Amino acid sequence: MAAILIVDDDAVICEVLYDLFAEEHLCHTVESAERALPLLESGHYDVAVVDISLPGMSGLELSGLILQRWPETAVIVVTGIDYRQYSGELTRMGVFDYLIKPFQLQEAQGKLAKAVLKREHWPEAVRESAERALGSYGRAPAQGRGWGRERRGSPRHRARRAARLLFTAAPVAGAALPAALIGHTHDISRTGLALVVPCVRESDRAFYGRAGALRLTLGLPAGNVEMEATPARYDWIEAGFPGKGFLMGARITRMDDDARALFDQYLGALG
């Protein structure tokens, strides 16, 4: 077990990464560098996952401070901008790796496993990462988080764990709605998706109950795919608490041939 610190002002990213890592590791999430510093000073962390764009002290400043004061902590940078052209500079700075939003959950798992291996020489991390890459999703998520838990180890549960992917959604051109929302899938099929929207921002609620088509970008292991989907059902995750988020059932209405090939390949890997 490793100690992981997640620093991101996007509550959706914090929740998804916590869900992803907390099953096997000790995880803390904070929304700012200022909240992260007391934790770093009071305890040891094997890996810090840091968003570059943070309110107050930037994630880049925090990463540099971690590398100077706590060099035993591996830093994985999270960014909404493609920083591949700056990868050399980040490496020279001492950053272990980086994730570009929207990233695949398997990618995040793999990079965390490599960071833990480097810091702790933990062969088990490599084995678990390889099993996930090959489609072995037998372990259940941490209890008490997420929606619609099923019996540990069941085939249906394994398919849903594998289908837990990040997505971004935006209205099609001309729709009078706020900017895009972000969440994760709960279940997928060839014709539709169940999407979890944590509803951590006020603007996310404007999407609840909407019937018009949405443009979705879905993060698959083989790459991002784009599609259009029409919502067919909405449910608040916790009745009486609209701010807790909602579940959206959507029917896929349009996808180009290349995206369909990647999507069908992924569904085939789920078995």
Foldseek 3Di string as FASTA:
>chain_A
DFEEEEEALPVQVVQVVCQLPVVPYHYDYDHALVVVVVVVVVDDGQEYEFEQPGPDDGSVNSVLVCCVPPVLYAYEYEYQDPCPVVVVVCVVSPHQYYAHPPAWSLVVLLSVLVSCCVNPVDVVSVVVSVCVVLLNQQAATDPPDDADDDDGRDLVRSQQVNQFWKKKKAAPPPDPADGIAIHTWRHDDLWKTKTWGQQQDVRVCVPAPDFHKMWMWIHDPVGIFIFIWGWDDKDQRDPPCNNRTIITIITTDGGDPVRSVRVVVSVVSSD
